[in-house]
């Protein structure tokens, strides 16, 4: 549940800050008449994200067991790739995007209402799709459709509140540090998701070694105990992993965490993608 709360919080805050900066800039420059297209774009992005999550959930139920495992494993790997790219990109660019976002908004205003809708849609849509995909893979990994969704919902709600506080000027924090620490925690969560994704591919028959266990501590850490549930919810911990799961977990976590936390890795990128977050401490009003 905590891992999904963290996903909802980070992705939601990223989207909230973008919307906050867009709205604040339009208000500050006395262009409040341009706000409706922005909110329309945000609404369409949210609807698309919810629809994508529903399609994954209900569409996968029509598949065979092997096909479900293959789909879940493949999407888990894709989700980890997206989240890894996202945390590294945000680690590099958290300080530098407000001015660029203002420039893109000015260009969109000059192009017309449709461009404003698209700008707001892209600002929120990417984060929404990533969130839906990552949460869906977490639900499949934990076999618990309730707590992961609740955790993600609470994270998104927290992000909306924080975004509103940023806009009101009541909250000012160092976003670069915030995204660094939450990014490090997400790397740990992603390592568990990746390991479980490979386990799904083993169960689907795509990869060998399903019965080759690295260890089995099910008696010491029962999966139905409170601490077993906690470890499963936060880290996707499995008390009887295969050797392939352990190898994938270590080969992802160790170098990724090292590169992420190594000083000097946060240089500004040459071409950040459209629709991403901004700011260091909050939005101007």
Foldseek 3Di string as FASTA:
>chain_A
DQLLLLLLQVLLLWLLQLLLQLCQLCVVVVNNVLVVLLVLLQVVLLVVLVVLLVCLVVVLVPDDLLVSLLVLLVLLVVLLVVLLVVLLQCLQAQAPCSVVSSVQCVVQVVVHSVSSSVQSNLLNNVSSNSSSSNLSSLCVLLVDPPVSVVSSVNSNVVSNVVSVCLSVVNWWDFVSVVSLVSSLQNLQQSLLSNLSSVLSCCVSVNDDFNPAWPAAPCVVQPCPDPVNVVCCNRRVDDRTGTPSSVVSSVVRNVVSSCLSPPPPSNHNDPDDDRNTGYDGTGHHD
